[in-house]
Amino acid sequence: MKMPSRDEVKNTLNIDFLNKLCSVGNEGMCYEQICEEFHINKRTAQRWIATVTRLFPNYLMVRRTKRNKYFRIDFMNHGFSFDFSSEDAYYVGEAIELLSKVSAPGVERVKSALKAIYTRLEASVETKKKKRNYQADTEETVRSSEIVKFRGPHFSVDAAKIEQLSKAIKERRVCEIFYKSAQEASGKLYTIAPIGFLYGQSQYLVAKEVDKLLIDGIAHDSNLVHVEEDDLRIIRGEGLEDASKQDLYRFFKISNVVSCTPYLKDEYKRVYHREMNEKTGKLVTRSTKKAIQKEIYYAIGDNETVDNITYYCFGIYRGLVHHIKWRFDASTSAKLDNYLFVTPSDRQKVSKDDAGRLTVEFDACGVAEMYWFLQQFRDHVEVLEPINWQDIVNREVIESDVIPV
């Protein structure tokens, strides 16, 4: 029997390669990086990726940038994890450091084996960390806590629905939601890339709509669509004063989300098979198209966080940004020490005059929410800027009959 050579063994797909694809993070690995890491040629790397695609079709993430392909595997929500701890990874790393200072026969072989184990441990720690964070972020976990309670009037939200949306956010998976609003009482189906949650009196899902033409345009071996935005000004809504620019982000009230399901793209594979021709008695090769469905994932920019998207929002409304200046009387000001009018705190400028009156300045959008906020202070607050504040309120709140629900 012919035994495989050392090179043939090296070219066989191994568990270290799978572990590396688990631990490389969102960026993934391109063919050049795979070749350099495992000392193989590009043809072998292509065979390995083809094997991974066949074995784990739902877990392979493909990213295309400047004609390069980047690959990674994410087993986070599919019950896959190595039984290792972060402490194991630490001590293996220490052992590798110690061996690098030793010169003795066989040390390099042991060090190489430990590096392979360390790669597995990295994948394990990262997987468990993601699972732990995912569990901590679900609505059901928070609401069932004995030390955190939700009080006061608010919309009831189905915990199972939040869990579905949380899973889509964590996996960066394109999904479809059926949504009912005051403008569309009969409901409408949206294809979205969910980004995060925004909680207040009502709970909102922050998301981007995904153009299905983008999904149709990705290659057959890809399942990741790019919907990222790099301009921080646009992300923060500074361009919304231009009426010709549509807002990139949608705020869906979670209580109005009827259903949430993964978006599945129909793909067709041409399957060849041979069958006997009854007339000629010869084998004939025929082809059929086999339909498969695959989930689609999305990439967003590093700056596309809920904090950045709502940077200028007084609450959750996005729109024209105004320069705001309020002054409270002395009795009310005494109760507003350390009060955050907007988030983050560095957006506000606070001062007190000799009479003890507090003045706060900031830039923000959401006139209706600011109007409702000021109503609770009655005559104890004075709006200094904008000077046409009442005209703005009449136009954007009162005449439009906007109410805080």
Protein backbone atom coordinates (compact mmCIF):
# COMPACT_ATOMS: atom_id res chain seq x y z
CA MET A 1 0.00 0.00 0.00
CA LYS A 2 1.33 3.44 -0.95
CA MET A 3 1.82 5.70 2.03
CA PRO A 4 1.16 9.42 1.56
CA SER A 5 4.21 11.64 1.44
CA ARG A 6 4.80 14.39 3.99
CA ASP A 7 3.59 17.04 1.50
CA GLU A 8 0.38 15.12 0.78
CA VAL A 9 -0.41 14.96 4.49
CA LYS A 10 0.29 18.68 4.77
CA ASN A 11 -2.17 19.37 1.97
CA THR A 12 -5.01 17.55 3.75
CA LEU A 13 -7.65 19.79 5.35
CA ASN A 14 -7.05 19.79 9.12
CA ILE A 15 -8.86 21.00 12.22
CA ASP A 16 -6.30 23.76 12.77
CA PHE A 17 -7.52 25.46 9.60
CA LEU A 18 -11.14 25.36 10.81
CA ASN A 19 -10.11 26.72 14.20
CA LYS A 20 -8.19 29.55 12.55
CA LEU A 21 -11.23 30.54 10.48
CA CYS A 22 -13.24 30.64 13.73
CA SER A 23 -10.79 32.91 15.53
CA VAL A 24 -9.71 35.44 12.88
CA GLY A 25 -12.63 37.81 13.58
CA ASN A 26 -14.87 39.70 11.20
CA GLU A 27 -12.17 40.48 8.64
CA GLY A 28 -11.53 36.84 7.79
CA MET A 29 -8.53 35.45 5.89
CA CYS A 30 -7.72 35.81 2.21
CA TYR A 31 -6.01 33.12 0.12
CA GLU A 32 -2.60 34.77 0.52
CA GLN A 33 -2.92 34.76 4.32
CA ILE A 34 -4.02 31.11 4.34
CA CYS A 35 -1.05 30.12 2.16
CA GLU A 36 1.39 31.98 4.42
CA GLU A 37 -0.12 30.67 7.67
CA PHE A 38 -0.21 26.98 6.67
CA HIS A 39 2.69 26.91 4.16
CA ILE A 40 0.53 25.71 1.26
CA ASN A 41 0.03 26.88 -2.31
CA LYS A 42 -3.05 28.73 -3.53
CA ARG A 43 -4.54 25.68 -5.26
CA THR A 44 -4.47 23.77 -1.97
CA ALA A 45 -6.03 26.75 -0.18
CA GLN A 46 -8.83 26.78 -2.75
CA ARG A 47 -9.45 23.07 -2.17
CA TRP A 48 -9.61 23.63 1.58
CA ILE A 49 -12.12 26.47 1.19
CA ALA A 50 -14.20 24.36 -1.21
CA THR A 51 -14.29 21.59 1.41
CA VAL A 52 -15.35 24.02 4.13
CA THR A 53 -18.07 25.42 1.85
CA ARG A 54 -19.42 21.91 1.30
CA LEU A 55 -19.27 20.88 4.96
CA PHE A 56 -20.54 24.14 6.50
CA PRO A 57 -22.66 25.93 3.86
CA ASN A 58 -24.57 27.99 6.43
CA TYR A 59 -21.56 29.08 8.44
CA LEU A 60 -19.12 30.21 5.75
CA MET A 61 -18.88 34.00 5.48
CA VAL A 62 -17.35 35.39 2.29
CA ARG A 63 -16.17 38.97 1.98
CA ARG A 64 -15.06 40.51 -1.31
CA THR A 65 -12.83 43.60 -1.28
CA LYS A 66 -10.74 44.82 -4.21
CA ARG A 67 -11.13 41.46 -5.97
CA ASN A 68 -9.85 39.55 -2.92
CA LYS A 69 -11.92 36.98 -1.07
CA TYR A 70 -11.90 36.82 2.72
CA PHE A 71 -13.23 33.79 4.56
CA ARG A 72 -14.26 33.09 8.14
CA ILE A 73 -16.52 30.69 10.05
CA ASP A 74 -18.85 31.73 12.85
CA PHE A 75 -20.30 28.91 14.93
CA MET A 76 -21.56 31.34 17.60
CA ASN A 77 -25.25 30.45 17.47
CA HIS A 78 -25.04 26.94 16.09
CA GLY A 79 -24.14 24.99 19.23
CA PHE A 80 -20.48 24.57 18.28
CA SER A 81 -17.78 25.14 20.85
CA PHE A 82 -14.56 23.53 22.07
CA ASP A 83 -14.55 22.66 25.75
CA PHE A 84 -11.71 24.99 26.77
CA SER A 85 -11.46 28.03 29.02
CA SER A 86 -9.62 31.35 28.77
CA GLU A 87 -7.29 30.11 31.53
CA ASP A 88 -6.25 27.19 29.31
CA ALA A 89 -5.37 29.61 26.52
CA TYR A 90 -3.33 31.76 28.90
CA TYR A 91 -1.15 28.90 30.15
CA VAL A 92 -0.58 27.47 26.68
CA GLY A 93 0.55 30.92 25.57
CA GLU A 94 2.93 31.06 28.55
CA ALA A 95 4.30 27.63 27.64
CA ILE A 96 5.01 28.75 24.07
CA GLU A 97 6.86 31.82 25.41
CA LEU A 98 9.00 29.66 27.70
CA LEU A 99 9.83 27.16 24.94
CA SER A 100 11.00 29.96 22.66
CA LYS A 101 13.84 30.54 25.16
CA VAL A 102 14.92 26.88 25.23
CA SER A 103 17.38 25.25 22.83
CA ALA A 104 17.08 21.46 22.90
CA PRO A 105 16.30 18.60 20.49
CA GLY A 106 12.57 18.31 19.77
CA VAL A 107 11.64 21.71 21.21
CA GLU A 108 10.55 23.12 17.86
CA ARG A 109 8.26 20.14 17.26
CA VAL A 110 6.61 20.56 20.68
CA LYS A 111 6.31 24.32 20.20
CA SER A 112 4.64 23.81 16.81
CA ALA A 113 2.12 21.40 18.35
CA LEU A 114 1.36 23.85 21.16
CA LYS A 115 0.75 26.64 18.64
CA ALA A 116 -1.84 24.45 16.94
CA ILE A 117 -3.52 23.84 20.31
CA TYR A 118 -3.38 27.57 21.07
CA THR A 119 -5.26 28.28 17.83
CA ARG A 120 -8.04 25.93 18.98
CA LEU A 121 -8.17 27.64 22.35
CA GLU A 122 -8.48 31.08 20.75
CA ALA A 123 -11.44 29.85 18.74
CA SER A 124 -13.05 28.38 21.87
CA VAL A 125 -12.65 31.51 23.99
CA GLU A 126 -13.98 33.78 21.24
CA THR A 127 -17.00 31.53 20.62
CA LYS A 128 -17.93 31.34 24.30
CA LYS A 129 -17.48 35.10 24.72
CA LYS A 130 -19.92 35.78 21.87
CA LYS A 131 -22.46 33.34 23.29
CA ARG A 132 -22.21 34.93 26.73
CA ASN A 133 -22.66 38.46 25.34
CA TYR A 134 -25.59 37.34 23.24
CA GLN A 135 -27.37 35.85 26.23
CA ALA A 136 -26.74 38.99 28.29
CA ASP A 137 -28.25 41.24 25.62
CA THR A 138 -31.57 39.47 25.17
CA GLU A 139 -34.68 41.15 26.46
CA GLU A 140 -35.82 37.97 28.19
CA THR A 141 -32.61 37.79 30.23
CA VAL A 142 -32.86 41.41 31.34
CA ARG A 143 -36.54 41.30 32.21
CA SER A 144 -36.19 38.05 34.17
CA SER A 145 -33.41 39.49 36.33
CA GLU A 146 -34.14 39.88 40.03
CA ILE A 147 -32.17 43.13 40.29
CA VAL A 148 -33.51 44.90 37.16
CA LYS A 149 -37.19 45.79 36.91
CA PHE A 150 -39.13 47.77 34.31
CA ARG A 151 -41.66 50.17 35.83
CA GLY A 152 -44.03 52.83 34.53
CA PRO A 153 -46.19 52.91 31.38
CA HIS A 154 -44.61 51.32 28.32
CA PHE A 155 -45.53 49.18 25.34
CA SER A 156 -45.58 45.45 25.90
CA VAL A 157 -42.93 43.70 23.80
CA ASP A 158 -42.81 39.99 23.04
CA ALA A 159 -39.58 38.56 24.47
CA ALA A 160 -39.40 35.91 21.73
CA LYS A 161 -39.50 38.64 19.09
CA ILE A 162 -36.64 40.50 20.80
CA GLU A 163 -34.65 37.28 20.93
CA GLN A 164 -35.12 36.74 17.19
CA LEU A 165 -33.99 40.29 16.44
CA SER A 166 -31.07 40.01 18.89
CA LYS A 167 -29.89 36.87 17.14
CA ALA A 168 -30.05 38.60 13.74
CA ILE A 169 -28.05 41.56 15.11
CA LYS A 170 -25.37 39.35 16.64
CA GLU A 171 -25.03 37.19 13.52
CA ARG A 172 -25.18 40.21 11.19
CA ARG A 173 -27.90 38.41 9.23
CA VAL A 174 -30.25 40.06 6.75
CA CYS A 175 -33.84 39.48 7.78
CA GLU A 176 -37.38 40.35 6.76
CA ILE A 177 -39.82 42.01 9.10
CA PHE A 178 -43.53 42.58 8.59
CA TYR A 179 -44.21 46.00 10.09
CA LYS A 180 -47.42 47.92 10.82
CA SER A 181 -47.34 51.67 11.39
CA ALA A 182 -49.77 54.58 11.52
CA GLN A 183 -48.88 55.39 7.91
CA GLU A 184 -49.18 51.75 6.78
CA ALA A 185 -51.89 50.22 8.95
CA SER A 186 -52.20 47.18 6.67
CA GLY A 187 -48.48 46.46 7.11
CA LYS A 188 -45.46 46.21 4.83
CA LEU A 189 -42.61 43.74 4.39
CA TYR A 190 -39.12 45.22 4.85
CA THR A 191 -35.76 43.63 4.06
CA ILE A 192 -33.37 45.02 6.66
CA ALA A 193 -29.92 44.86 8.21
CA PRO A 194 -30.64 45.25 11.97
CA ILE A 195 -28.02 47.24 13.89
CA GLY A 196 -29.24 47.54 17.48
CA PHE A 197 -31.97 48.57 19.92
CA LEU A 198 -32.94 51.98 21.27
CA TYR A 199 -34.91 52.01 24.52
CA GLY A 200 -36.99 54.79 26.01
CA GLN A 201 -40.71 55.16 26.60
CA SER A 202 -41.01 52.94 23.52
CA GLN A 203 -38.53 50.37 22.25
CA TYR A 204 -37.12 50.74 18.74
CA LEU A 205 -35.09 48.64 16.34
CA VAL A 206 -32.38 50.62 14.53
CA ALA A 207 -31.82 49.18 11.05
CA LYS A 208 -30.95 49.87 7.43
CA GLU A 209 -33.11 48.83 4.53
CA VAL A 210 -31.32 46.44 2.16
CA ASP A 211 -31.82 46.79 -1.57
CA LYS A 212 -32.58 43.34 -2.98
CA LEU A 213 -30.64 44.30 -6.12
CA LEU A 214 -27.50 44.32 -3.95
CA ILE A 215 -28.28 40.80 -2.79
CA ASP A 216 -28.97 39.62 -6.35
CA GLY A 217 -25.66 41.16 -7.44
CA ILE A 218 -23.37 39.19 -5.12
CA ALA A 219 -21.50 36.22 -6.54
CA HIS A 220 -22.79 32.68 -6.21
CA ASP A 221 -20.03 31.73 -3.77
CA SER A 222 -20.77 34.75 -1.55
CA ASN A 223 -23.43 35.26 1.08
CA LEU A 224 -22.44 38.67 2.43
CA VAL A 225 -23.77 41.99 1.13
CA HIS A 226 -22.11 45.34 1.85
CA VAL A 227 -24.40 48.12 3.13
CA GLU A 228 -21.81 50.11 5.08
CA GLU A 229 -21.49 53.90 5.24
CA ASP A 230 -18.10 55.52 5.90
CA ASP A 231 -19.07 59.20 6.24
CA LEU A 232 -19.51 59.91 9.95
CA ARG A 233 -21.37 63.16 9.16
CA ILE A 234 -24.05 61.27 7.27
CA ILE A 235 -24.21 58.54 9.92
CA ARG A 236 -24.85 61.17 12.58
CA GLY A 237 -27.53 62.85 10.48
CA GLU A 238 -25.75 66.12 9.71
CA GLY A 239 -26.86 65.85 6.09
CA LEU A 240 -30.56 65.61 6.94
CA GLU A 241 -31.08 69.35 6.47
CA ASP A 242 -30.82 68.60 2.75
CA ALA A 243 -34.33 67.45 1.82
CA SER A 244 -33.00 65.67 -1.26
CA LYS A 245 -31.07 63.22 0.93
CA GLN A 246 -33.06 60.39 2.41
CA ASP A 247 -32.24 59.15 5.88
CA LEU A 248 -30.18 55.96 5.68
CA TYR A 249 -31.50 54.55 8.93
CA ARG A 250 -34.93 53.43 10.03
CA PHE A 251 -36.32 53.32 13.57
CA PHE A 252 -38.91 50.53 13.77
CA LYS A 253 -41.12 50.49 16.87
CA ILE A 254 -40.68 46.94 18.15
CA SER A 255 -44.29 46.70 19.36
CA ASN A 256 -45.34 47.19 15.70
CA VAL A 257 -43.08 44.44 14.33
CA VAL A 258 -45.45 41.57 13.55
CA SER A 259 -42.86 38.98 12.50
CA CYS A 260 -39.13 38.56 11.88
CA THR A 261 -37.64 35.84 9.66
CA PRO A 262 -34.21 35.30 8.06
CA TYR A 263 -33.99 36.43 4.45
CA LEU A 264 -33.32 33.42 2.24
CA LYS A 265 -31.90 33.80 -1.24
CA ASP A 266 -32.81 31.22 -3.87
CA GLU A 267 -29.73 29.84 -5.59
CA TYR A 268 -29.69 27.36 -8.44
CA LYS A 269 -27.01 24.74 -8.91
CA ARG A 270 -26.67 22.92 -12.18
CA VAL A 271 -26.57 19.23 -11.28
CA TYR A 272 -25.33 16.82 -13.93
CA HIS A 273 -26.38 13.19 -14.04
CA ARG A 274 -26.34 10.34 -16.51
CA GLU A 275 -29.36 8.36 -17.58
CA MET A 276 -30.11 5.61 -20.12
CA ASN A 277 -31.70 6.72 -23.39
CA GLU A 278 -34.53 4.24 -24.00
CA LYS A 279 -34.31 4.54 -27.80
CA THR A 280 -30.55 4.26 -28.31
CA GLY A 281 -29.66 2.30 -25.17
CA LYS A 282 -26.75 4.68 -24.51
CA LEU A 283 -25.94 6.70 -21.41
CA VAL A 284 -26.69 10.38 -21.90
CA THR A 285 -25.47 13.21 -19.68
CA ARG A 286 -28.27 15.59 -18.74
CA SER A 287 -28.40 18.62 -16.47
CA THR A 288 -31.03 19.86 -14.07
CA LYS A 289 -31.19 22.99 -11.94
CA LYS A 290 -31.42 22.30 -8.24
CA ALA A 291 -32.82 25.14 -6.12
CA ILE A 292 -31.24 25.79 -2.72
CA GLN A 293 -31.83 28.56 -0.20
CA LYS A 294 -29.06 30.28 1.73
CA GLU A 295 -29.03 32.94 4.41
CA ILE A 296 -27.56 36.34 3.58
CA TYR A 297 -25.32 38.27 5.96
CA TYR A 298 -24.35 41.94 5.86
CA ALA A 299 -21.36 44.17 6.52
CA ILE A 300 -21.75 47.64 8.03
CA GLY A 301 -19.14 50.29 8.75
CA ASP A 302 -17.26 50.40 12.04
CA ASN A 303 -18.84 53.80 12.78
CA GLU A 304 -22.37 52.52 12.27
CA THR A 305 -23.26 52.09 15.93
CA VAL A 306 -26.49 53.06 17.68
CA ASP A 307 -24.53 55.72 19.61
CA ASN A 308 -23.33 57.37 16.40
CA ILE A 309 -26.63 57.04 14.56
CA THR A 310 -28.48 58.75 17.44
CA TYR A 311 -25.66 61.20 18.24
CA TYR A 312 -27.70 64.36 17.63
CA CYS A 313 -31.04 62.89 18.68
CA PHE A 314 -32.62 64.36 21.80
CA GLY A 315 -34.61 61.13 22.01
CA ILE A 316 -35.17 58.90 19.01
CA TYR A 317 -36.34 61.34 16.34
CA ARG A 318 -33.89 62.28 13.57
CA GLY A 319 -34.21 65.45 11.54
CA LEU A 320 -32.94 69.00 11.26
CA VAL A 321 -30.36 69.80 13.97
CA HIS A 322 -31.04 73.00 15.98
CA HIS A 323 -28.81 74.89 18.39
CA ILE A 324 -30.67 74.74 21.72
CA LYS A 325 -30.25 77.07 24.71
CA TRP A 326 -32.46 76.75 27.82
CA ARG A 327 -32.35 78.66 31.11
CA PHE A 328 -34.01 77.32 34.28
CA ASP A 329 -35.00 79.37 37.31
CA ALA A 330 -33.02 79.11 40.57
CA SER A 331 -35.41 76.75 42.36
CA THR A 332 -35.45 74.26 39.47
CA SER A 333 -31.71 74.63 38.81
CA ALA A 334 -30.95 73.44 42.37
CA LYS A 335 -32.54 70.08 41.44
CA LEU A 336 -30.68 69.66 38.15
CA ASP A 337 -27.11 69.18 39.37
CA ASN A 338 -25.38 66.39 37.38
CA TYR A 339 -28.38 66.20 35.04
CA LEU A 340 -27.64 64.93 31.53
CA PHE A 341 -29.87 66.63 29.00
CA VAL A 342 -28.24 64.87 26.04
CA THR A 343 -25.93 61.90 25.51
CA PRO A 344 -22.94 61.85 25.38
CA SER A 345 -22.42 64.43 28.10
CA ASP A 346 -19.66 66.31 26.23
CA ARG A 347 -22.32 67.58 23.81
CA GLN A 348 -23.83 69.87 26.43
CA LYS A 349 -22.41 73.09 27.87
CA VAL A 350 -23.75 73.97 31.33
CA SER A 351 -23.25 77.17 33.33
CA LYS A 352 -24.81 79.00 36.30
CA ASP A 353 -25.17 82.75 36.79
CA ASP A 354 -24.93 84.70 40.06
CA ALA A 355 -28.68 84.23 40.66
CA GLY A 356 -28.26 80.43 40.61
CA ARG A 357 -29.99 79.99 37.26
CA LEU A 358 -28.70 77.08 35.18
CA THR A 359 -28.21 77.54 31.42
CA VAL A 360 -27.63 74.57 29.12
CA GLU A 361 -26.62 74.64 25.43
CA PHE A 362 -26.38 71.79 22.91
CA ASP A 363 -27.10 70.85 19.30
CA ALA A 364 -29.93 68.38 18.82
CA CYS A 365 -32.79 67.23 16.62
CA GLY A 366 -36.21 65.99 17.68
CA VAL A 367 -38.31 69.13 18.27
CA ALA A 368 -41.35 67.16 19.40
CA GLU A 369 -39.41 65.34 22.13
CA MET A 370 -37.78 68.55 23.34
CA TYR A 371 -41.21 70.23 23.43
CA TRP A 372 -42.71 67.37 25.48
CA PHE A 373 -39.69 67.46 27.82
CA LEU A 374 -40.08 71.20 28.47
CA GLN A 375 -43.80 70.88 29.25
CA GLN A 376 -43.04 69.22 32.59
CA PHE A 377 -41.16 72.35 33.76
CA ARG A 378 -44.04 74.72 32.88
CA ASP A 379 -42.92 78.34 33.58
CA HIS A 380 -39.68 77.29 35.30
CA VAL A 381 -37.73 77.20 32.02
CA GLU A 382 -37.09 79.78 29.31
CA VAL A 383 -36.10 78.94 25.71
CA LEU A 384 -33.37 81.37 24.66
CA GLU A 385 -32.49 79.69 21.36
CA PRO A 386 -33.72 79.18 18.73
CA ILE A 387 -35.38 82.58 18.91
CA ASN A 388 -38.26 81.31 16.70
CA TRP A 389 -38.82 78.26 18.91
CA GLN A 390 -42.60 78.68 19.12
CA ASP A 391 -42.92 78.90 15.34
CA ILE A 392 -40.89 75.68 14.97
CA VAL A 393 -43.08 73.91 17.56
CA ASN A 394 -46.29 75.07 15.87
CA ARG A 395 -45.09 73.81 12.50
CA GLU A 396 -43.48 70.50 13.51
CA VAL A 397 -45.57 69.42 16.52
CA ILE A 398 -48.91 71.18 17.00
CA GLU A 399 -50.03 71.54 13.38
CA SER A 400 -48.81 68.03 12.60
CA ASP A 401 -50.61 66.69 15.70
CA VAL A 402 -47.58 64.72 16.90
CA ILE A 403 -48.20 62.94 20.21
CA PRO A 404 -45.65 61.09 22.41
CA VAL A 405 -46.65 57.48 21.69
